Amino acid sequence: MTTDASEDGLGAELSHQLTNGLVERPVAFASRVLPAAEKCYSVIEREALATIFGVQKFQQFLLGRHFTLHIDHKLLEVIYGEHQALSKVAANIISRWQLILGTYDYEVHYLVGSDNVTADMLPRLSAQDTRRSVLEQAGE
């Protein structure tokens, strides 16, 4: 699963790695627009929220299976990684999200932002569609 967040939305892509291990095929996509309160979150909080959003959205595929979580924010690799090091100054909300992820069997891989094309596109598209639909409704 690959996740990403923008200033306006969240996106997640669930993919399946073929048996040869070289090719990943997309299975499902999900995105949502951030409400005003979540737009005030810091970058790390939005990226962590995108991870939680994706895991909860694709829960039926992920529970009881080992999966790889691809993220493009280096600090999340430390927070959600193998050692799960969470500093004392980290927000309480991130520690709650860490508890949610504790029920899943996963490993974290850092993905360079430029390689995170699909998950990066999803939150931006959902935000554009929402703005367009609001503008269309205002014009009616």
N, C-alpha and C. Protein backbone atom coordinates (compact mmCIF):
# COMPACT_ATOMS: atom_id res chain seq x y z
N MET A 1 0.83 -1.16 0.00
CA MET A 1 0.00 0.00 0.00
C MET A 1 0.89 1.24 0.00
N THR A 2 0.51 2.22 -0.80
CA THR A 2 1.24 3.48 -0.89
C THR A 2 0.29 4.60 -0.53
N THR A 3 0.75 5.54 0.30
CA THR A 3 -0.10 6.65 0.72
C THR A 3 0.61 7.97 0.52
N ASP A 4 -0.18 9.03 0.45
CA ASP A 4 0.38 10.37 0.36
C ASP A 4 -0.68 11.38 0.78
N ALA A 5 -0.23 12.56 1.16
CA ALA A 5 -1.13 13.64 1.56
C ALA A 5 -0.69 14.93 0.87
N SER A 6 -1.67 15.77 0.59
CA SER A 6 -1.38 17.11 0.08
C SER A 6 -2.00 18.10 1.06
N GLU A 7 -1.98 19.35 0.71
CA GLU A 7 -2.59 20.36 1.59
C GLU A 7 -4.11 20.23 1.61
N ASP A 8 -4.68 19.60 0.58
CA ASP A 8 -6.13 19.53 0.46
C ASP A 8 -6.73 18.14 0.63
N GLY A 9 -5.93 17.08 0.54
CA GLY A 9 -6.53 15.75 0.57
C GLY A 9 -5.54 14.64 0.89
N LEU A 10 -6.09 13.42 0.94
CA LEU A 10 -5.33 12.22 1.23
C LEU A 10 -5.54 11.22 0.10
N GLY A 11 -4.54 10.39 -0.14
CA GLY A 11 -4.67 9.37 -1.17
C GLY A 11 -3.98 8.09 -0.76
N ALA A 12 -4.52 6.97 -1.24
CA ALA A 12 -3.94 5.66 -0.95
C ALA A 12 -4.12 4.76 -2.16
N GLU A 13 -3.11 3.97 -2.43
CA GLU A 13 -3.15 3.00 -3.52
C GLU A 13 -2.81 1.64 -2.94
N LEU A 14 -3.67 0.66 -3.20
CA LEU A 14 -3.41 -0.71 -2.80
C LEU A 14 -2.97 -1.46 -4.05
N SER A 15 -1.83 -2.09 -3.98
CA SER A 15 -1.34 -2.83 -5.14
C SER A 15 -0.90 -4.22 -4.71
N HIS A 16 -0.80 -5.10 -5.70
CA HIS A 16 -0.43 -6.49 -5.46
C HIS A 16 0.86 -6.79 -6.22
N GLN A 17 1.83 -7.34 -5.54
CA GLN A 17 3.09 -7.69 -6.18
C GLN A 17 2.95 -9.08 -6.80
N LEU A 18 3.25 -9.17 -8.08
CA LEU A 18 3.15 -10.45 -8.78
C LEU A 18 4.23 -11.40 -8.29
N THR A 19 4.06 -12.67 -8.58
CA THR A 19 4.95 -13.70 -8.05
C THR A 19 6.40 -13.51 -8.47
N ASN A 20 6.65 -12.89 -9.62
CA ASN A 20 8.04 -12.68 -10.03
C ASN A 20 8.71 -11.59 -9.20
N GLY A 21 7.92 -10.84 -8.43
CA GLY A 21 8.46 -9.82 -7.55
C GLY A 21 8.91 -8.55 -8.23
N LEU A 22 8.77 -8.48 -9.53
CA LEU A 22 9.24 -7.32 -10.27
C LEU A 22 8.14 -6.32 -10.60
N VAL A 23 6.91 -6.79 -10.68
CA VAL A 23 5.82 -5.95 -11.14
C VAL A 23 4.75 -5.84 -10.07
N GLU A 24 4.27 -4.62 -9.84
CA GLU A 24 3.14 -4.41 -8.95
C GLU A 24 1.95 -3.96 -9.78
N ARG A 25 0.80 -4.54 -9.51
CA ARG A 25 -0.43 -4.18 -10.21
C ARG A 25 -1.37 -3.51 -9.22
N PRO A 26 -1.98 -2.39 -9.61
CA PRO A 26 -2.92 -1.73 -8.70
C PRO A 26 -4.18 -2.57 -8.50
N VAL A 27 -4.67 -2.55 -7.27
CA VAL A 27 -5.89 -3.27 -6.92
C VAL A 27 -7.01 -2.28 -6.66
N ALA A 28 -6.71 -1.22 -5.90
CA ALA A 28 -7.74 -0.24 -5.54
C ALA A 28 -7.08 1.10 -5.24
N PHE A 29 -7.89 2.15 -5.40
CA PHE A 29 -7.46 3.52 -5.12
C PHE A 29 -8.49 4.17 -4.20
N ALA A 30 -8.04 5.06 -3.35
CA ALA A 30 -8.96 5.80 -2.48
C ALA A 30 -8.38 7.19 -2.23
N SER A 31 -9.27 8.15 -2.13
CA SER A 31 -8.83 9.50 -1.78
C SER A 31 -9.98 10.22 -1.10
N ARG A 32 -9.64 11.24 -0.37
CA ARG A 32 -10.66 12.09 0.25
C ARG A 32 -10.10 13.48 0.47
N VAL A 33 -11.01 14.42 0.55
CA VAL A 33 -10.65 15.82 0.79
C VAL A 33 -10.54 16.04 2.29
N LEU A 34 -9.61 16.86 2.70
CA LEU A 34 -9.45 17.19 4.11
C LEU A 34 -10.46 18.26 4.52
N PRO A 35 -11.16 18.06 5.64
CA PRO A 35 -11.99 19.13 6.17
C PRO A 35 -11.11 20.26 6.72
N ALA A 36 -11.69 21.38 7.01
CA ALA A 36 -10.93 22.56 7.45
C ALA A 36 -10.04 22.26 8.66
N ALA A 37 -10.52 21.49 9.61
CA ALA A 37 -9.74 21.20 10.82
C ALA A 37 -8.48 20.41 10.49
N GLU A 38 -8.58 19.44 9.58
CA GLU A 38 -7.43 18.61 9.23
C GLU A 38 -6.45 19.35 8.32
N LYS A 39 -6.90 20.39 7.64
CA LYS A 39 -5.99 21.19 6.82
C LYS A 39 -4.99 21.94 7.68
N CYS A 40 -5.31 22.11 8.95
CA CYS A 40 -4.42 22.80 9.89
C CYS A 40 -3.33 21.87 10.44
N TYR A 41 -3.41 20.58 10.16
CA TYR A 41 -2.41 19.64 10.63
C TYR A 41 -1.06 19.96 10.01
N SER A 42 -0.01 19.61 10.72
CA SER A 42 1.34 19.75 10.17
C SER A 42 1.53 18.71 9.06
N VAL A 43 2.60 18.85 8.30
CA VAL A 43 2.87 17.93 7.20
C VAL A 43 2.99 16.49 7.70
N ILE A 44 3.72 16.29 8.79
CA ILE A 44 3.90 14.94 9.32
C ILE A 44 2.58 14.35 9.78
N GLU A 45 1.71 15.18 10.36
CA GLU A 45 0.40 14.68 10.80
C GLU A 45 -0.48 14.32 9.61
N ARG A 46 -0.44 15.12 8.54
CA ARG A 46 -1.23 14.80 7.34
C ARG A 46 -0.72 13.52 6.69
N GLU A 47 0.58 13.35 6.63
CA GLU A 47 1.15 12.13 6.05
C GLU A 47 0.78 10.91 6.90
N ALA A 48 0.83 11.05 8.21
CA ALA A 48 0.44 9.95 9.10
C ALA A 48 -1.05 9.66 8.95
N LEU A 49 -1.87 10.70 8.82
CA LEU A 49 -3.30 10.53 8.62
C LEU A 49 -3.59 9.80 7.32
N ALA A 50 -2.83 10.08 6.28
CA ALA A 50 -3.00 9.38 5.00
C ALA A 50 -2.76 7.88 5.17
N THR A 51 -1.77 7.54 5.97
CA THR A 51 -1.48 6.13 6.23
C THR A 51 -2.64 5.46 6.95
N ILE A 52 -3.17 6.11 7.97
CA ILE A 52 -4.30 5.57 8.71
C ILE A 52 -5.52 5.47 7.82
N PHE A 53 -5.75 6.49 7.00
CA PHE A 53 -6.87 6.48 6.06
C PHE A 53 -6.78 5.26 5.14
N GLY A 54 -5.61 5.04 4.56
CA GLY A 54 -5.42 3.91 3.65
C GLY A 54 -5.60 2.57 4.33
N VAL A 55 -5.03 2.42 5.51
CA VAL A 55 -5.13 1.15 6.23
C VAL A 55 -6.58 0.86 6.60
N GLN A 56 -7.30 1.88 7.05
CA GLN A 56 -8.69 1.65 7.41
C GLN A 56 -9.58 1.44 6.18
N LYS A 57 -9.28 2.12 5.11
CA LYS A 57 -10.06 1.97 3.88
C LYS A 57 -9.90 0.57 3.29
N PHE A 58 -8.70 0.03 3.34
CA PHE A 58 -8.43 -1.29 2.76
C PHE A 58 -8.27 -2.37 3.82
N GLN A 59 -8.89 -2.16 4.96
CA GLN A 59 -8.77 -3.07 6.09
C GLN A 59 -9.08 -4.51 5.73
N GLN A 60 -10.11 -4.74 4.93
CA GLN A 60 -10.51 -6.11 4.59
C GLN A 60 -9.43 -6.84 3.79
N PHE A 61 -8.56 -6.11 3.11
CA PHE A 61 -7.48 -6.73 2.36
C PHE A 61 -6.21 -6.91 3.20
N LEU A 62 -6.05 -6.10 4.24
CA LEU A 62 -4.79 -6.05 4.96
C LEU A 62 -4.76 -6.83 6.27
N LEU A 63 -5.89 -6.93 6.94
CA LEU A 63 -5.91 -7.62 8.24
C LEU A 63 -5.51 -9.09 8.07
N GLY A 64 -4.59 -9.53 8.91
CA GLY A 64 -4.14 -10.92 8.88
C GLY A 64 -3.13 -11.24 7.80
N ARG A 65 -2.69 -10.23 7.05
CA ARG A 65 -1.69 -10.45 5.99
C ARG A 65 -0.50 -9.53 6.21
N HIS A 66 0.64 -10.00 5.81
CA HIS A 66 1.83 -9.15 5.86
C HIS A 66 1.82 -8.27 4.61
N PHE A 67 2.06 -6.97 4.79
CA PHE A 67 2.09 -6.07 3.65
C PHE A 67 3.18 -5.03 3.84
N THR A 68 3.50 -4.36 2.76
CA THR A 68 4.51 -3.32 2.78
C THR A 68 3.83 -1.97 2.65
N LEU A 69 4.19 -1.08 3.52
CA LEU A 69 3.64 0.28 3.53
C LEU A 69 4.68 1.21 2.93
N HIS A 70 4.39 1.77 1.76
CA HIS A 70 5.29 2.69 1.09
C HIS A 70 4.89 4.11 1.45
N ILE A 71 5.83 4.86 2.01
CA ILE A 71 5.57 6.24 2.40
C ILE A 71 6.67 7.14 1.83
N ASP A 72 6.33 8.40 1.63
CA ASP A 72 7.33 9.32 1.08
C ASP A 72 7.74 10.40 2.08
N HIS A 73 7.56 10.11 3.35
CA HIS A 73 7.99 11.05 4.39
C HIS A 73 8.94 10.28 5.31
N LYS A 74 10.19 10.68 5.30
CA LYS A 74 11.26 9.93 5.98
C LYS A 74 11.00 9.76 7.47
N LEU A 75 10.45 10.77 8.14
CA LEU A 75 10.21 10.68 9.57
C LEU A 75 9.18 9.60 9.91
N LEU A 76 8.21 9.39 9.04
CA LEU A 76 7.22 8.33 9.29
C LEU A 76 7.86 6.95 9.26
N GLU A 77 8.93 6.81 8.51
CA GLU A 77 9.64 5.53 8.48
C GLU A 77 10.17 5.20 9.88
N VAL A 78 10.57 6.21 10.61
CA VAL A 78 11.07 6.01 11.97
C VAL A 78 9.90 5.77 12.92
N ILE A 79 8.84 6.57 12.79
CA ILE A 79 7.71 6.47 13.71
C ILE A 79 6.95 5.15 13.52
N TYR A 80 6.68 4.78 12.27
CA TYR A 80 5.92 3.56 12.00
C TYR A 80 6.81 2.36 11.71
N GLY A 81 8.10 2.55 11.73
CA GLY A 81 9.04 1.49 11.36
C GLY A 81 9.19 0.42 12.41
N GLU A 82 10.20 -0.38 12.19
CA GLU A 82 10.44 -1.55 13.02
C GLU A 82 10.62 -1.21 14.49
N HIS A 83 11.33 -0.14 14.78
CA HIS A 83 11.61 0.22 16.17
C HIS A 83 10.54 1.11 16.77
N GLN A 84 9.72 1.70 15.93
CA GLN A 84 8.62 2.56 16.35
C GLN A 84 9.06 3.58 17.40
N ALA A 85 10.11 4.30 17.08
CA ALA A 85 10.61 5.32 17.99
C ALA A 85 9.74 6.57 17.89
N LEU A 86 9.10 6.91 18.96
CA LEU A 86 8.25 8.09 19.00
C LEU A 86 8.78 9.01 20.09
N SER A 87 9.19 10.18 19.71
CA SER A 87 9.76 11.09 20.69
C SER A 87 8.69 11.60 21.63
N LYS A 88 9.11 12.11 22.77
CA LYS A 88 8.18 12.61 23.76
C LYS A 88 7.46 13.87 23.29
N VAL A 89 8.05 14.57 22.34
CA VAL A 89 7.42 15.79 21.86
C VAL A 89 6.46 15.53 20.70
N ALA A 90 6.37 14.28 20.24
CA ALA A 90 5.45 13.96 19.14
C ALA A 90 4.01 14.14 19.61
N ALA A 91 3.16 14.49 18.70
CA ALA A 91 1.77 14.75 19.02
C ALA A 91 1.08 13.48 19.52
N ASN A 92 0.12 13.67 20.42
CA ASN A 92 -0.64 12.54 20.96
C ASN A 92 -1.40 11.81 19.87
N ILE A 93 -1.87 12.53 18.89
CA ILE A 93 -2.66 11.91 17.84
C ILE A 93 -1.82 10.91 17.04
N ILE A 94 -0.56 11.21 16.82
CA ILE A 94 0.29 10.27 16.09
C ILE A 94 0.51 9.00 16.91
N SER A 95 0.63 9.13 18.22
CA SER A 95 0.81 7.94 19.05
C SER A 95 -0.46 7.09 19.03
N ARG A 96 -1.65 7.71 18.94
CA ARG A 96 -2.89 6.94 18.81
C ARG A 96 -2.92 6.20 17.47
N TRP A 97 -2.47 6.86 16.41
CA TRP A 97 -2.43 6.23 15.10
C TRP A 97 -1.42 5.08 15.10
N GLN A 98 -0.36 5.24 15.87
CA GLN A 98 0.64 4.18 15.99
C GLN A 98 0.02 2.95 16.63
N LEU A 99 -0.87 3.16 17.58
CA LEU A 99 -1.56 2.04 18.22
C LEU A 99 -2.48 1.32 17.23
N ILE A 100 -3.15 2.08 16.37
CA ILE A 100 -4.02 1.48 15.35
C ILE A 100 -3.19 0.61 14.42
N LEU A 101 -2.05 1.12 13.98
CA LEU A 101 -1.20 0.34 13.07
C LEU A 101 -0.59 -0.88 13.74
N GLY A 102 -0.54 -0.88 15.07
CA GLY A 102 0.02 -2.01 15.79
C GLY A 102 -0.76 -3.30 15.60
N THR A 103 -2.01 -3.20 15.14
CA THR A 103 -2.82 -4.40 14.91
C THR A 103 -2.54 -5.05 13.56
N TYR A 104 -1.72 -4.42 12.74
CA TYR A 104 -1.42 -4.92 11.40
C TYR A 104 0.00 -5.47 11.34
N ASP A 105 0.21 -6.40 10.43
CA ASP A 105 1.53 -6.98 10.19
C ASP A 105 2.10 -6.32 8.94
N TYR A 106 3.01 -5.37 9.13
CA TYR A 106 3.51 -4.60 8.00
C TYR A 106 4.98 -4.26 8.19
N GLU A 107 5.59 -3.86 7.10
CA GLU A 107 6.93 -3.29 7.14
C GLU A 107 6.88 -1.98 6.36
N VAL A 108 7.72 -1.04 6.74
CA VAL A 108 7.70 0.29 6.15
C VAL A 108 8.89 0.44 5.21
N HIS A 109 8.60 0.99 4.03
CA HIS A 109 9.64 1.31 3.06
C HIS A 109 9.50 2.77 2.66
N TYR A 110 10.61 3.48 2.71
CA TYR A 110 10.63 4.87 2.28
C TYR A 110 10.66 4.92 0.76
N LEU A 111 9.81 5.74 0.20
CA LEU A 111 9.71 5.90 -1.24
C LEU A 111 9.98 7.36 -1.57
N VAL A 112 10.93 7.62 -2.44
CA VAL A 112 11.24 8.99 -2.83
C VAL A 112 9.98 9.62 -3.42
N GLY A 113 9.72 10.87 -3.06
CA GLY A 113 8.49 11.55 -3.49
C GLY A 113 8.25 11.52 -4.98
N SER A 114 9.30 11.62 -5.78
CA SER A 114 9.13 11.62 -7.24
C SER A 114 8.71 10.25 -7.75
N ASP A 115 8.91 9.18 -6.97
CA ASP A 115 8.49 7.83 -7.36
C ASP A 115 7.07 7.51 -6.86
N ASN A 116 6.50 8.40 -6.11
CA ASN A 116 5.18 8.18 -5.51
C ASN A 116 4.10 8.85 -6.36
N VAL A 117 4.06 8.53 -7.62
CA VAL A 117 3.24 9.26 -8.59
C VAL A 117 1.75 9.06 -8.35
N THR A 118 1.30 7.82 -8.28
CA THR A 118 -0.14 7.56 -8.19
C THR A 118 -0.72 8.06 -6.87
N ALA A 119 -0.11 7.68 -5.76
CA ALA A 119 -0.64 8.11 -4.47
C ALA A 119 -0.54 9.62 -4.31
N ASP A 120 0.44 10.24 -4.95
CA ASP A 120 0.60 11.68 -4.89
C ASP A 120 -0.50 12.39 -5.69
N MET A 121 -0.94 11.78 -6.75
CA MET A 121 -1.94 12.38 -7.62
C MET A 121 -3.34 12.32 -7.00
N LEU A 122 -3.66 11.26 -6.27
CA LEU A 122 -5.01 11.05 -5.77
C LEU A 122 -5.54 12.17 -4.89
N PRO A 123 -4.81 12.65 -3.88
CA PRO A 123 -5.38 13.72 -3.05
C PRO A 123 -5.57 15.02 -3.82
N ARG A 124 -4.74 15.26 -4.80
CA ARG A 124 -4.86 16.48 -5.59
C ARG A 124 -6.08 16.43 -6.51
N LEU A 125 -6.34 15.26 -7.09
CA LEU A 125 -7.51 15.10 -7.96
C LEU A 125 -8.81 15.21 -7.18
N SER A 126 -8.86 14.60 -6.00
CA SER A 126 -10.09 14.65 -5.21
C SER A 126 -10.39 16.09 -4.79
N ALA A 127 -9.36 16.86 -4.48
CA ALA A 127 -9.57 18.25 -4.10
C ALA A 127 -10.06 19.07 -5.28
N GLN A 128 -9.53 18.81 -6.48
CA GLN A 128 -9.98 19.53 -7.68
C GLN A 128 -11.43 19.18 -8.01
N ASP A 129 -11.81 17.91 -7.88
CA ASP A 129 -13.18 17.51 -8.16
C ASP A 129 -14.15 18.17 -7.20
N THR A 130 -13.76 18.28 -5.93
CA THR A 130 -14.63 18.91 -4.94
C THR A 130 -14.80 20.38 -5.26
N ARG A 131 -13.71 21.06 -5.58
CA ARG A 131 -13.82 22.49 -5.92
C ARG A 131 -14.70 22.67 -7.15
N ARG A 132 -14.55 21.81 -8.14
CA ARG A 132 -15.32 21.93 -9.36
C ARG A 132 -16.81 21.71 -9.06
N SER A 133 -17.13 20.69 -8.24
CA SER A 133 -18.54 20.42 -7.95
C SER A 133 -19.16 21.54 -7.14
N VAL A 134 -18.37 22.15 -6.24
CA VAL A 134 -18.89 23.28 -5.46
C VAL A 134 -19.16 24.47 -6.38
N LEU A 135 -18.25 24.71 -7.32
CA LEU A 135 -18.44 25.81 -8.27
C LEU A 135 -19.63 25.55 -9.18
N GLU A 136 -19.82 24.31 -9.59
CA GLU A 136 -20.96 23.98 -10.45
C GLU A 136 -22.27 24.17 -9.70
N GLN A 137 -22.29 23.79 -8.40
CA GLN A 137 -23.49 23.97 -7.61
C GLN A 137 -23.81 25.44 -7.40
N ALA A 138 -22.78 26.25 -7.22
CA ALA A 138 -22.99 27.69 -7.03
C ALA A 138 -23.55 28.34 -8.28
N GLY A 139 -23.19 27.79 -9.46
CA GLY A 139 -23.65 28.36 -10.73
C GLY A 139 -25.09 27.98 -11.05
N GLU A 140 -25.64 26.97 -10.39
CA GLU A 140 -27.00 26.53 -10.70
C GLU A 140 -28.05 27.42 -10.08
